[in-house]
Amino acid sequence: MLDIFGNINIIFYILAYFVGGIPFGYLIVKRFRINLLEIGSGSIGATNVYRALKLQTKHAKAFSILTIILDSTKGMIVVFVAKILGLSYETQWAIAVLSVLGHCYSPYLFFRGGKGVSTAIGSTILLVPLEGIIGLFAWFITGKIFKVSSLSSLLGVSIGILSSFFIPHFSPSISITSQIGTHTPLMIILFLILYTHIPNIIRLITGQEGRIF
């Protein structure tokens, strides 16, 4: 048992899950004596933060943006430290996946959480920056055009991850295939995000998904 917890990779896996699970959106809204889990979709992400606070404060959008920044940063920071310490790419990608898993199923909220988009972007952008930028661009453009949070999130993440199959042809040195030889971590992240967005996808198909901003 001591050998397991003396393994730096194991320590970082645990750290990634528990840091990823920090429910910043929930904590921000709690300042207004509101339980975010009981509002709207019950998600702890930026969209639900805005939904919960839009009638409470004129700074609702600012708090929503703060949530995006914090959720993406928590995904980034553990990967960054692992990179500084020279841990393998395999370990760094496992950290990225566990950060997203922690956000979606937070250990601090009895395994309830968010939908993983901001944390996914933060945890992967240091590993595959070009794909991350492509995903952010797709998210921004889709959001500007349609103003539907779930649609822009789904398209942004999907386009960013799918671009990882084409980026190696232009920049092989920083591609996931050159790092670990497989797209599996990105596909796991994509599956998690699609899974947490199932209710949104159903509403998008039936035309019932509302605009948020």
N, C-alpha and C. Protein backbone atom coordinates (compact mmCIF):
# COMPACT_ATOMS: atom_id res chain seq x y z
N MET A 1 0.82 -1.21 0.00
CA MET A 1 0.00 0.00 0.00
C MET A 1 0.86 1.26 0.00
N LEU A 2 1.91 1.27 0.84
CA LEU A 2 2.80 2.42 0.90
C LEU A 2 3.52 2.61 -0.42
N ASP A 3 3.84 1.48 -1.09
CA ASP A 3 4.51 1.57 -2.38
C ASP A 3 3.62 2.26 -3.40
N ILE A 4 2.32 1.99 -3.35
CA ILE A 4 1.38 2.61 -4.28
C ILE A 4 1.36 4.11 -4.09
N PHE A 5 1.25 4.58 -2.83
CA PHE A 5 1.16 6.00 -2.57
C PHE A 5 2.52 6.69 -2.63
N GLY A 6 3.58 5.88 -2.77
CA GLY A 6 4.90 6.44 -2.98
C GLY A 6 5.21 6.62 -4.45
N ASN A 7 4.32 6.17 -5.29
CA ASN A 7 4.48 6.30 -6.74
C ASN A 7 3.97 7.67 -7.18
N ILE A 8 4.84 8.49 -7.77
CA ILE A 8 4.46 9.86 -8.12
C ILE A 8 3.32 9.90 -9.12
N ASN A 9 3.25 8.90 -10.00
CA ASN A 9 2.14 8.87 -10.96
C ASN A 9 0.80 8.71 -10.25
N ILE A 10 0.75 7.78 -9.29
CA ILE A 10 -0.48 7.54 -8.53
C ILE A 10 -0.88 8.80 -7.76
N ILE A 11 0.11 9.46 -7.18
CA ILE A 11 -0.17 10.70 -6.44
C ILE A 11 -0.80 11.73 -7.36
N PHE A 12 -0.27 11.86 -8.56
CA PHE A 12 -0.81 12.83 -9.51
C PHE A 12 -2.18 12.43 -10.03
N TYR A 13 -2.44 11.14 -10.16
CA TYR A 13 -3.77 10.69 -10.59
C TYR A 13 -4.82 11.09 -9.55
N ILE A 14 -4.49 10.86 -8.30
CA ILE A 14 -5.42 11.21 -7.21
C ILE A 14 -5.59 12.72 -7.14
N LEU A 15 -4.47 13.43 -7.25
CA LEU A 15 -4.50 14.89 -7.21
C LEU A 15 -5.35 15.44 -8.35
N ALA A 16 -5.19 14.88 -9.54
CA ALA A 16 -5.95 15.35 -10.71
C ALA A 16 -7.45 15.20 -10.48
N TYR A 17 -7.85 14.06 -9.94
CA TYR A 17 -9.27 13.82 -9.72
C TYR A 17 -9.84 14.78 -8.67
N PHE A 18 -9.11 14.98 -7.59
CA PHE A 18 -9.64 15.82 -6.51
C PHE A 18 -9.54 17.31 -6.83
N VAL A 19 -8.53 17.72 -7.56
CA VAL A 19 -8.46 19.12 -8.00
C VAL A 19 -9.52 19.37 -9.07
N GLY A 20 -9.64 18.42 -10.01
CA GLY A 20 -10.67 18.54 -11.05
C GLY A 20 -12.06 18.59 -10.46
N GLY A 21 -12.23 17.98 -9.30
CA GLY A 21 -13.55 17.93 -8.67
C GLY A 21 -13.94 19.17 -7.88
N ILE A 22 -13.02 20.12 -7.74
CA ILE A 22 -13.36 21.34 -6.99
C ILE A 22 -14.51 22.06 -7.69
N PRO A 23 -15.65 22.22 -7.04
CA PRO A 23 -16.85 22.77 -7.70
C PRO A 23 -16.93 24.29 -7.62
N PHE A 24 -16.10 24.95 -8.40
CA PHE A 24 -16.03 26.41 -8.31
C PHE A 24 -17.38 27.08 -8.56
N GLY A 25 -18.10 26.63 -9.57
CA GLY A 25 -19.41 27.22 -9.85
C GLY A 25 -20.35 27.09 -8.67
N TYR A 26 -20.37 25.92 -8.06
CA TYR A 26 -21.21 25.67 -6.89
C TYR A 26 -20.83 26.62 -5.74
N LEU A 27 -19.52 26.79 -5.52
CA LEU A 27 -19.04 27.63 -4.43
C LEU A 27 -19.36 29.10 -4.68
N ILE A 28 -19.24 29.55 -5.93
CA ILE A 28 -19.57 30.94 -6.26
C ILE A 28 -21.03 31.23 -5.98
N VAL A 29 -21.90 30.35 -6.45
CA VAL A 29 -23.34 30.56 -6.28
C VAL A 29 -23.75 30.42 -4.81
N LYS A 30 -23.04 29.59 -4.07
CA LYS A 30 -23.35 29.39 -2.65
C LYS A 30 -23.22 30.69 -1.87
N ARG A 31 -22.38 31.61 -2.36
CA ARG A 31 -22.23 32.92 -1.70
C ARG A 31 -23.55 33.68 -1.69
N PHE A 32 -24.42 33.35 -2.63
CA PHE A 32 -25.73 34.01 -2.71
C PHE A 32 -26.82 33.15 -2.04
N ARG A 33 -26.38 32.16 -1.27
CA ARG A 33 -27.27 31.25 -0.54
C ARG A 33 -28.20 30.50 -1.49
N ILE A 34 -27.63 30.09 -2.61
CA ILE A 34 -28.37 29.30 -3.60
C ILE A 34 -27.64 27.98 -3.80
N ASN A 35 -28.40 26.90 -3.82
CA ASN A 35 -27.83 25.58 -4.09
C ASN A 35 -27.88 25.35 -5.60
N LEU A 36 -26.73 25.43 -6.26
CA LEU A 36 -26.68 25.33 -7.72
C LEU A 36 -27.19 23.98 -8.22
N LEU A 37 -27.08 22.96 -7.39
CA LEU A 37 -27.54 21.63 -7.79
C LEU A 37 -29.06 21.57 -7.94
N GLU A 38 -29.74 22.55 -7.39
CA GLU A 38 -31.21 22.58 -7.46
C GLU A 38 -31.73 23.57 -8.51
N ILE A 39 -30.81 24.15 -9.27
CA ILE A 39 -31.17 25.15 -10.28
C ILE A 39 -31.02 24.56 -11.69
N GLY A 40 -31.99 24.78 -12.53
CA GLY A 40 -31.88 24.40 -13.94
C GLY A 40 -31.48 22.95 -14.14
N SER A 41 -30.37 22.77 -14.83
CA SER A 41 -29.89 21.42 -15.14
C SER A 41 -29.22 20.74 -13.95
N GLY A 42 -28.92 21.51 -12.90
CA GLY A 42 -28.21 20.96 -11.75
C GLY A 42 -26.72 20.89 -11.97
N SER A 43 -26.24 21.37 -13.11
CA SER A 43 -24.82 21.37 -13.42
C SER A 43 -24.10 22.45 -12.63
N ILE A 44 -22.80 22.25 -12.39
CA ILE A 44 -22.02 23.25 -11.66
C ILE A 44 -21.21 24.12 -12.61
N GLY A 45 -21.52 24.07 -13.90
CA GLY A 45 -20.78 24.82 -14.89
C GLY A 45 -21.25 26.25 -15.06
N ALA A 46 -20.57 26.96 -15.97
CA ALA A 46 -20.77 28.39 -16.15
C ALA A 46 -22.19 28.75 -16.59
N THR A 47 -22.78 27.95 -17.47
CA THR A 47 -24.12 28.26 -17.96
C THR A 47 -25.14 28.25 -16.83
N ASN A 48 -25.04 27.24 -15.97
CA ASN A 48 -25.99 27.16 -14.86
C ASN A 48 -25.71 28.21 -13.80
N VAL A 49 -24.43 28.61 -13.66
CA VAL A 49 -24.11 29.72 -12.75
C VAL A 49 -24.81 30.98 -13.21
N TYR A 50 -24.76 31.25 -14.51
CA TYR A 50 -25.46 32.43 -15.05
C TYR A 50 -26.97 32.31 -14.83
N ARG A 51 -27.49 31.13 -15.09
CA ARG A 51 -28.94 30.90 -14.92
C ARG A 51 -29.36 31.15 -13.47
N ALA A 52 -28.53 30.73 -12.53
CA ALA A 52 -28.86 30.87 -11.11
C ALA A 52 -28.76 32.31 -10.62
N LEU A 53 -27.83 33.09 -11.23
CA LEU A 53 -27.53 34.42 -10.69
C LEU A 53 -28.11 35.57 -11.50
N LYS A 54 -28.68 35.30 -12.67
CA LYS A 54 -29.11 36.41 -13.54
C LYS A 54 -30.17 37.30 -12.90
N LEU A 55 -30.95 36.76 -11.97
CA LEU A 55 -31.95 37.58 -11.28
C LEU A 55 -31.46 38.05 -9.91
N GLN A 56 -30.24 37.65 -9.54
CA GLN A 56 -29.71 37.97 -8.23
C GLN A 56 -28.71 39.12 -8.25
N THR A 57 -27.99 39.26 -9.36
CA THR A 57 -26.95 40.27 -9.43
C THR A 57 -26.70 40.68 -10.88
N LYS A 58 -26.32 41.93 -11.06
CA LYS A 58 -26.02 42.42 -12.40
C LYS A 58 -24.68 41.87 -12.90
N HIS A 59 -23.95 41.19 -12.01
CA HIS A 59 -22.65 40.64 -12.37
C HIS A 59 -22.73 39.15 -12.71
N ALA A 60 -23.91 38.68 -13.02
CA ALA A 60 -24.10 37.24 -13.29
C ALA A 60 -23.19 36.76 -14.42
N LYS A 61 -23.08 37.54 -15.48
CA LYS A 61 -22.24 37.12 -16.61
C LYS A 61 -20.76 37.08 -16.20
N ALA A 62 -20.35 38.03 -15.37
CA ALA A 62 -18.96 38.04 -14.89
C ALA A 62 -18.67 36.81 -14.04
N PHE A 63 -19.61 36.43 -13.20
CA PHE A 63 -19.42 35.22 -12.38
C PHE A 63 -19.38 33.97 -13.27
N SER A 64 -20.16 33.99 -14.33
CA SER A 64 -20.15 32.87 -15.27
C SER A 64 -18.79 32.75 -15.95
N ILE A 65 -18.25 33.89 -16.37
CA ILE A 65 -16.93 33.89 -17.01
C ILE A 65 -15.86 33.47 -16.02
N LEU A 66 -15.98 33.92 -14.77
CA LEU A 66 -15.04 33.51 -13.72
C LEU A 66 -15.07 31.99 -13.54
N THR A 67 -16.25 31.42 -13.60
CA THR A 67 -16.39 29.97 -13.48
C THR A 67 -15.65 29.26 -14.61
N ILE A 68 -15.79 29.77 -15.83
CA ILE A 68 -15.07 29.18 -16.96
C ILE A 68 -13.57 29.22 -16.73
N ILE A 69 -13.08 30.37 -16.28
CA ILE A 69 -11.64 30.53 -16.05
C ILE A 69 -11.15 29.57 -14.97
N LEU A 70 -11.87 29.49 -13.86
CA LEU A 70 -11.46 28.62 -12.76
C LEU A 70 -11.53 27.15 -13.14
N ASP A 71 -12.61 26.77 -13.84
CA ASP A 71 -12.76 25.37 -14.23
C ASP A 71 -11.70 24.94 -15.24
N SER A 72 -11.32 25.84 -16.13
CA SER A 72 -10.28 25.49 -17.10
C SER A 72 -8.90 25.48 -16.43
N THR A 73 -8.70 26.41 -15.50
CA THR A 73 -7.40 26.49 -14.82
C THR A 73 -7.14 25.26 -13.96
N LYS A 74 -8.17 24.75 -13.29
CA LYS A 74 -7.95 23.58 -12.44
C LYS A 74 -7.57 22.37 -13.28
N GLY A 75 -8.07 22.32 -14.51
CA GLY A 75 -7.66 21.24 -15.40
C GLY A 75 -6.24 21.41 -15.89
N MET A 76 -5.83 22.66 -16.05
CA MET A 76 -4.51 22.96 -16.60
C MET A 76 -3.39 22.81 -15.58
N ILE A 77 -3.66 23.18 -14.35
CA ILE A 77 -2.57 23.33 -13.38
C ILE A 77 -1.88 22.00 -13.04
N VAL A 78 -2.65 20.93 -12.90
CA VAL A 78 -2.03 19.64 -12.54
C VAL A 78 -1.21 19.11 -13.72
N VAL A 79 -1.72 19.27 -14.93
CA VAL A 79 -0.96 18.87 -16.12
C VAL A 79 0.32 19.69 -16.20
N PHE A 80 0.22 20.98 -15.91
CA PHE A 80 1.39 21.86 -15.96
C PHE A 80 2.47 21.42 -14.98
N VAL A 81 2.07 21.12 -13.76
CA VAL A 81 3.04 20.68 -12.75
C VAL A 81 3.67 19.35 -13.16
N ALA A 82 2.85 18.44 -13.69
CA ALA A 82 3.36 17.15 -14.15
C ALA A 82 4.37 17.34 -15.28
N LYS A 83 4.09 18.30 -16.15
CA LYS A 83 4.98 18.59 -17.27
C LYS A 83 6.30 19.16 -16.76
N ILE A 84 6.22 20.07 -15.79
CA ILE A 84 7.42 20.67 -15.20
C ILE A 84 8.30 19.61 -14.55
N LEU A 85 7.66 18.63 -13.91
CA LEU A 85 8.40 17.57 -13.22
C LEU A 85 8.89 16.49 -14.17
N GLY A 86 8.53 16.60 -15.43
CA GLY A 86 9.03 15.66 -16.43
C GLY A 86 8.32 14.32 -16.44
N LEU A 87 7.07 14.29 -15.96
CA LEU A 87 6.33 13.03 -16.01
C LEU A 87 5.98 12.70 -17.46
N SER A 88 5.79 11.44 -17.73
CA SER A 88 5.59 10.99 -19.11
C SER A 88 4.31 11.55 -19.71
N TYR A 89 4.24 11.54 -21.04
CA TYR A 89 3.02 11.98 -21.72
C TYR A 89 1.84 11.08 -21.36
N GLU A 90 2.12 9.79 -21.18
CA GLU A 90 1.04 8.88 -20.78
C GLU A 90 0.43 9.32 -19.45
N THR A 91 1.29 9.72 -18.52
CA THR A 91 0.81 10.19 -17.22
C THR A 91 0.06 11.51 -17.36
N GLN A 92 0.58 12.41 -18.18
CA GLN A 92 -0.07 13.70 -18.37
C GLN A 92 -1.46 13.54 -18.99
N TRP A 93 -1.59 12.62 -19.93
CA TRP A 93 -2.90 12.40 -20.55
C TRP A 93 -3.88 11.75 -19.57
N ALA A 94 -3.36 10.86 -18.73
CA ALA A 94 -4.22 10.25 -17.70
C ALA A 94 -4.70 11.32 -16.72
N ILE A 95 -3.81 12.27 -16.40
CA ILE A 95 -4.17 13.39 -15.53
C ILE A 95 -5.28 14.22 -16.16
N ALA A 96 -5.16 14.48 -17.46
CA ALA A 96 -6.19 15.26 -18.16
C ALA A 96 -7.55 14.57 -18.08
N VAL A 97 -7.56 13.28 -18.34
CA VAL A 97 -8.83 12.52 -18.29
C VAL A 97 -9.41 12.54 -16.88
N LEU A 98 -8.57 12.33 -15.87
CA LEU A 98 -9.05 12.28 -14.49
C LEU A 98 -9.53 13.66 -14.01
N SER A 99 -8.94 14.72 -14.52
CA SER A 99 -9.41 16.07 -14.18
C SER A 99 -10.83 16.28 -14.67
N VAL A 100 -11.09 15.88 -15.91
CA VAL A 100 -12.43 16.00 -16.47
C VAL A 100 -13.41 15.11 -15.72
N LEU A 101 -12.99 13.89 -15.41
CA LEU A 101 -13.84 12.97 -14.66
C LEU A 101 -14.19 13.55 -13.30
N GLY A 102 -13.20 14.17 -12.64
CA GLY A 102 -13.44 14.79 -11.33
C GLY A 102 -14.45 15.92 -11.41
N HIS A 103 -14.37 16.71 -12.48
CA HIS A 103 -15.32 17.80 -12.64
C HIS A 103 -16.74 17.27 -12.88
N CYS A 104 -16.85 16.25 -13.70
CA CYS A 104 -18.18 15.70 -14.03
C CYS A 104 -18.79 14.94 -12.86
N TYR A 105 -17.94 14.33 -12.06
CA TYR A 105 -18.41 13.52 -10.92
C TYR A 105 -17.59 13.91 -9.69
N SER A 106 -17.91 15.07 -9.16
CA SER A 106 -17.12 15.65 -8.07
C SER A 106 -17.24 14.85 -6.77
N PRO A 107 -16.11 14.51 -6.16
CA PRO A 107 -16.14 13.79 -4.88
C PRO A 107 -16.67 14.66 -3.75
N TYR A 108 -16.73 15.97 -3.97
CA TYR A 108 -17.20 16.90 -2.94
C TYR A 108 -18.71 17.10 -2.99
N LEU A 109 -19.35 16.63 -4.05
CA LEU A 109 -20.80 16.83 -4.23
C LEU A 109 -21.51 15.49 -4.43
N PHE A 110 -20.98 14.45 -3.77
CA PHE A 110 -21.58 13.11 -3.89
C PHE A 110 -21.67 12.69 -5.36
N PHE A 111 -20.57 12.99 -6.08
CA PHE A 111 -20.39 12.57 -7.48
C PHE A 111 -21.37 13.21 -8.46
N ARG A 112 -21.87 14.37 -8.09
CA ARG A 112 -22.56 15.22 -9.06
C ARG A 112 -21.56 16.27 -9.52
N GLY A 113 -21.83 16.92 -10.64
CA GLY A 113 -20.85 17.89 -11.12
C GLY A 113 -21.30 18.63 -12.35
N GLY A 114 -20.33 18.95 -13.20
CA GLY A 114 -20.60 19.72 -14.41
C GLY A 114 -20.52 18.85 -15.64
N LYS A 115 -20.38 19.51 -16.78
CA LYS A 115 -20.41 18.79 -18.06
C LYS A 115 -19.04 18.67 -18.71
N GLY A 116 -18.04 19.26 -18.07
CA GLY A 116 -16.66 18.93 -18.42
C GLY A 116 -15.99 19.75 -19.50
N VAL A 117 -16.68 20.69 -20.12
CA VAL A 117 -16.11 21.37 -21.29
C VAL A 117 -14.92 22.25 -20.93
N SER A 118 -15.10 23.16 -19.99
CA SER A 118 -14.00 24.07 -19.62
C SER A 118 -12.80 23.30 -19.08
N THR A 119 -13.06 22.31 -18.24
CA THR A 119 -11.97 21.53 -17.67
C THR A 119 -11.26 20.72 -18.74
N ALA A 120 -12.01 20.24 -19.72
CA ALA A 120 -11.40 19.49 -20.83
C ALA A 120 -10.46 20.39 -21.63
N ILE A 121 -10.90 21.60 -21.90
CA ILE A 121 -10.06 22.53 -22.65
C ILE A 121 -8.80 22.86 -21.87
N GLY A 122 -8.96 23.17 -20.58
CA GLY A 122 -7.82 23.52 -19.76
C GLY A 122 -6.82 22.39 -19.60
N SER A 123 -7.32 21.17 -19.45
CA SER A 123 -6.43 20.03 -19.18
C SER A 123 -5.72 19.53 -20.43
N THR A 124 -6.22 19.87 -21.61
CA THR A 124 -5.60 19.36 -22.84
C THR A 124 -4.83 20.41 -23.64
N ILE A 125 -5.07 21.68 -23.38
CA ILE A 125 -4.49 22.71 -24.24
C ILE A 125 -2.97 22.78 -24.13
N LEU A 126 -2.40 22.37 -23.00
CA LEU A 126 -0.95 22.34 -22.88
C LEU A 126 -0.35 21.15 -23.61
N LEU A 127 -1.18 20.15 -23.85
CA LEU A 127 -0.71 18.93 -24.52
C LEU A 127 -0.88 19.01 -26.03
N VAL A 128 -2.01 19.53 -26.46
CA VAL A 128 -2.28 19.68 -27.90
C VAL A 128 -2.82 21.10 -28.14
N PRO A 129 -1.95 22.09 -28.10
CA PRO A 129 -2.39 23.49 -28.17
C PRO A 129 -3.11 23.86 -29.46
N LEU A 130 -2.69 23.33 -30.59
CA LEU A 130 -3.35 23.68 -31.85
C LEU A 130 -4.79 23.20 -31.86
N GLU A 131 -5.01 21.96 -31.41
CA GLU A 131 -6.36 21.43 -31.34
C GLU A 131 -7.20 22.23 -30.36
N GLY A 132 -6.57 22.65 -29.26
CA GLY A 132 -7.28 23.46 -28.26
C GLY A 132 -7.72 24.79 -28.84
N ILE A 133 -6.84 25.43 -29.59
CA ILE A 133 -7.17 26.72 -30.20
C ILE A 133 -8.28 26.55 -31.24
N ILE A 134 -8.19 25.48 -32.03
CA ILE A 134 -9.24 25.21 -33.02
C ILE A 134 -10.59 25.01 -32.32
N GLY A 135 -10.59 24.25 -31.22
CA GLY A 135 -11.82 24.02 -30.47
C GLY A 135 -12.38 25.30 -29.88
N LEU A 136 -11.51 26.14 -29.32
CA LEU A 136 -11.95 27.42 -28.76
C LEU A 136 -12.53 28.33 -29.84
N PHE A 137 -11.90 28.34 -31.01
CA PHE A 137 -12.39 29.16 -32.12
C PHE A 137 -13.77 28.69 -32.56
N ALA A 138 -13.93 27.36 -32.68
CA ALA A 138 -15.23 26.80 -33.07
C ALA A 138 -16.29 27.11 -32.03
N TRP A 139 -15.91 27.01 -30.75
CA TRP A 139 -16.84 27.33 -29.65
C TRP A 139 -17.28 28.79 -29.73
N PHE A 140 -16.32 29.69 -29.94
CA PHE A 140 -16.61 31.13 -29.96
C PHE A 140 -17.52 31.48 -31.14
N ILE A 141 -17.18 30.98 -32.33
CA ILE A 141 -17.96 31.30 -33.52
C ILE A 141 -19.38 30.75 -33.41
N THR A 142 -19.50 29.48 -32.97
CA THR A 142 -20.82 28.87 -32.82
C THR A 142 -21.66 29.60 -31.79
N GLY A 143 -21.02 30.00 -30.69
CA GLY A 143 -21.73 30.74 -29.65
C GLY A 143 -22.22 32.09 -30.14
N LYS A 144 -21.39 32.77 -30.92
CA LYS A 144 -21.77 34.07 -31.46
C LYS A 144 -22.95 33.96 -32.42
N ILE A 145 -22.93 32.90 -33.23
CA ILE A 145 -23.97 32.76 -34.26
C ILE A 145 -25.29 32.27 -33.66
N PHE A 146 -25.22 31.19 -32.88
CA PHE A 146 -26.45 30.54 -32.41
C PHE A 146 -26.85 30.94 -30.99
N LYS A 147 -25.87 31.39 -30.20
CA LYS A 147 -26.13 31.80 -28.80
C LYS A 147 -26.79 30.69 -27.99
N VAL A 148 -26.39 29.46 -28.28
CA VAL A 148 -26.87 28.30 -27.52
C VAL A 148 -25.65 27.65 -26.89
N SER A 149 -25.56 27.71 -25.56
CA SER A 149 -24.36 27.28 -24.85
C SER A 149 -24.01 25.81 -25.13
N SER A 150 -25.00 24.93 -25.04
CA SER A 150 -24.71 23.51 -25.21
C SER A 150 -24.23 23.20 -26.63
N LEU A 151 -24.83 23.84 -27.63
CA LEU A 151 -24.43 23.62 -29.02
C LEU A 151 -23.00 24.07 -29.27
N SER A 152 -22.67 25.27 -28.78
CA SER A 152 -21.31 25.77 -28.97
C SER A 152 -20.29 24.91 -28.23
N SER A 153 -20.65 24.44 -27.04
CA SER A 153 -19.75 23.58 -26.28
C SER A 153 -19.52 22.25 -26.98
N LEU A 154 -20.60 21.63 -27.42
CA LEU A 154 -20.49 20.33 -28.09
C LEU A 154 -19.70 20.44 -29.39
N LEU A 155 -19.98 21.45 -30.18
CA LEU A 155 -19.27 21.61 -31.45
C LEU A 155 -17.81 21.99 -31.22
N GLY A 156 -17.57 22.86 -30.25
CA GLY A 156 -16.20 23.27 -29.95
C GLY A 156 -15.33 22.10 -29.54
N VAL A 157 -15.83 21.31 -28.60
CA VAL A 157 -15.06 20.14 -28.13
C VAL A 157 -14.91 19.10 -29.24
N SER A 158 -16.00 18.82 -29.94
CA SER A 158 -15.96 17.80 -30.99
C SER A 158 -15.00 18.18 -32.11
N ILE A 159 -15.08 19.43 -32.57
CA ILE A 159 -14.20 19.88 -33.65
C ILE A 159 -12.74 19.89 -33.19
N GLY A 160 -12.50 20.35 -31.95
CA GLY A 160 -11.14 20.36 -31.42
C GLY A 160 -10.55 18.96 -31.36
N ILE A 161 -11.34 18.01 -30.85
CA ILE A 161 -10.84 16.64 -30.71
C ILE A 161 -10.71 15.97 -32.08
N LEU A 162 -11.68 16.15 -32.94
CA LEU A 162 -11.59 15.53 -34.27
C LEU A 162 -10.44 16.10 -35.09
N SER A 163 -10.07 17.36 -34.82
CA SER A 163 -8.93 17.95 -35.54
C SER A 163 -7.62 17.26 -35.19
N SER A 164 -7.60 16.56 -34.05
CA SER A 164 -6.38 15.85 -33.65
C SER A 164 -6.03 14.72 -34.62
N PHE A 165 -7.00 14.32 -35.44
CA PHE A 165 -6.74 13.29 -36.44
C PHE A 165 -6.08 13.88 -37.69
N PHE A 166 -6.14 15.22 -37.82
CA PHE A 166 -5.59 15.87 -39.01
C PHE A 166 -4.35 16.70 -38.71
N ILE A 167 -4.26 17.24 -37.49
CA ILE A 167 -3.13 18.08 -37.11
C ILE A 167 -1.77 17.39 -37.33
N PRO A 168 -1.62 16.08 -37.02
CA PRO A 168 -0.32 15.43 -37.20
C PRO A 168 0.25 15.57 -38.61
N HIS A 169 -0.59 15.75 -39.59
CA HIS A 169 -0.10 15.90 -40.97
C HIS A 169 0.57 17.24 -41.19
N PHE A 170 0.28 18.22 -40.30
CA PHE A 170 0.83 19.56 -40.45
C PHE A 170 1.86 19.88 -39.37
N SER A 171 1.63 19.33 -38.16
CA SER A 171 2.54 19.60 -37.04
C SER A 171 2.71 18.33 -36.21
N PRO A 172 3.45 17.36 -36.72
CA PRO A 172 3.55 16.06 -36.05
C PRO A 172 4.25 16.09 -34.70
N SER A 173 5.08 17.11 -34.44
CA SER A 173 5.88 17.11 -33.22
C SER A 173 5.07 17.32 -31.95
N ILE A 174 3.87 17.96 -32.06
CA ILE A 174 3.08 18.21 -30.85
C ILE A 174 1.72 17.52 -30.92
N SER A 175 1.62 16.49 -31.70
CA SER A 175 0.35 15.77 -31.82
C SER A 175 0.26 14.67 -30.78
N ILE A 176 -0.96 14.26 -30.47
CA ILE A 176 -1.16 13.20 -29.49
C ILE A 176 -0.58 11.88 -29.97
N THR A 177 -0.58 11.65 -31.28
CA THR A 177 -0.03 10.39 -31.80
C THR A 177 1.48 10.33 -31.63
N SER A 178 2.13 11.48 -31.72
CA SER A 178 3.59 11.48 -31.50
C SER A 178 3.92 11.35 -30.02
N GLN A 179 2.97 11.74 -29.17
CA GLN A 179 3.20 11.69 -27.72
C GLN A 179 2.97 10.29 -27.16
N ILE A 180 1.82 9.71 -27.48
CA ILE A 180 1.48 8.41 -26.89
C ILE A 180 0.99 7.38 -27.91
N GLY A 181 0.90 7.75 -29.17
CA GLY A 181 0.56 6.80 -30.22
C GLY A 181 -0.90 6.38 -30.29
N THR A 182 -1.78 7.10 -29.61
CA THR A 182 -3.20 6.75 -29.62
C THR A 182 -4.05 7.98 -29.32
N HIS A 183 -5.28 7.98 -29.81
CA HIS A 183 -6.22 9.06 -29.52
C HIS A 183 -7.15 8.71 -28.35
N THR A 184 -6.90 7.62 -27.69
CA THR A 184 -7.82 7.11 -26.66
C THR A 184 -8.19 8.13 -25.59
N PRO A 185 -7.22 8.86 -24.99
CA PRO A 185 -7.61 9.83 -23.95
C PRO A 185 -8.59 10.89 -24.47
N LEU A 186 -8.34 11.38 -25.68
CA LEU A 186 -9.24 12.38 -26.24
C LEU A 186 -10.63 11.80 -26.51
N MET A 187 -10.68 10.56 -26.94
CA MET A 187 -11.97 9.94 -27.21
C MET A 187 -12.74 9.68 -25.91
N ILE A 188 -12.01 9.36 -24.85
CA ILE A 188 -12.66 9.19 -23.54
C ILE A 188 -13.26 10.52 -23.08
N ILE A 189 -12.49 11.60 -23.23
CA ILE A 189 -12.97 12.93 -22.86
C ILE A 189 -14.19 13.30 -23.69
N LEU A 190 -14.14 13.03 -25.00
CA LEU A 190 -15.28 13.32 -25.87
C LEU A 190 -16.51 12.52 -25.43
N PHE A 191 -16.32 11.25 -25.10
CA PHE A 191 -17.44 10.42 -24.64
C PHE A 191 -18.04 10.99 -23.36
N LEU A 192 -17.19 11.39 -22.40
CA LEU A 192 -17.68 11.95 -21.14
C LEU A 192 -18.53 13.20 -21.39
N ILE A 193 -18.05 14.06 -22.27
CA ILE A 193 -18.77 15.31 -22.53
C ILE A 193 -20.07 15.05 -23.28
N LEU A 194 -20.04 14.15 -24.24
CA LEU A 194 -21.28 13.80 -24.94
C LEU A 194 -22.29 13.17 -23.98
N TYR A 195 -21.78 12.32 -23.09
CA TYR A 195 -22.66 11.64 -22.12
C TYR A 195 -23.32 12.64 -21.17
N THR A 196 -22.54 13.60 -20.67
CA THR A 196 -23.11 14.57 -19.73
C THR A 196 -24.06 15.54 -20.44
N HIS A 197 -23.96 15.62 -21.76
CA HIS A 197 -24.82 16.52 -22.53
C HIS A 197 -26.03 15.81 -23.16
N ILE A 198 -26.28 14.56 -22.80
CA ILE A 198 -27.40 13.84 -23.41
C ILE A 198 -28.73 14.60 -23.31
N PRO A 199 -29.10 15.13 -22.14
CA PRO A 199 -30.37 15.90 -22.08
C PRO A 199 -30.36 17.10 -23.02
N ASN A 200 -29.19 17.77 -23.14
CA ASN A 200 -29.08 18.92 -24.05
C ASN A 200 -29.22 18.49 -25.50
N ILE A 201 -28.60 17.36 -25.83
CA ILE A 201 -28.67 16.85 -27.20
C ILE A 201 -30.11 16.53 -27.57
N ILE A 202 -30.85 15.93 -26.63
CA ILE A 202 -32.26 15.61 -26.88
C ILE A 202 -33.05 16.89 -27.12
N ARG A 203 -32.78 17.92 -26.30
CA ARG A 203 -33.50 19.18 -26.47
C ARG A 203 -33.11 19.88 -27.77
N LEU A 204 -31.85 19.75 -28.17
CA LEU A 204 -31.42 20.34 -29.44
C LEU A 204 -32.15 19.67 -30.61
N ILE A 205 -32.26 18.36 -30.55
CA ILE A 205 -32.93 17.61 -31.62
C ILE A 205 -34.40 17.97 -31.71
N THR A 206 -35.02 18.16 -30.54
CA THR A 206 -36.46 18.45 -30.52
C THR A 206 -36.76 19.95 -30.59
N GLY A 207 -35.72 20.76 -30.67
CA GLY A 207 -35.91 22.20 -30.79
C GLY A 207 -36.31 22.89 -29.51
N GLN A 208 -36.03 22.26 -28.37
CA GLN A 208 -36.45 22.82 -27.08
C GLN A 208 -35.31 23.45 -26.29
N GLU A 209 -34.09 23.40 -26.82
CA GLU A 209 -32.95 23.96 -26.09
C GLU A 209 -32.96 25.48 -26.21
N GLY A 210 -32.95 26.14 -25.07
CA GLY A 210 -33.05 27.60 -25.09
C GLY A 210 -31.71 28.28 -25.20
N ARG A 211 -31.75 29.56 -25.54
CA ARG A 211 -30.55 30.38 -25.55
C ARG A 211 -30.25 30.82 -24.12
N ILE A 212 -28.99 31.10 -23.86
CA ILE A 212 -28.63 31.47 -22.49
C ILE A 212 -28.22 32.92 -22.38
N PHE A 213 -27.43 33.43 -23.32
CA PHE A 213 -26.99 34.84 -23.21
C PHE A 213 -27.77 35.69 -24.19
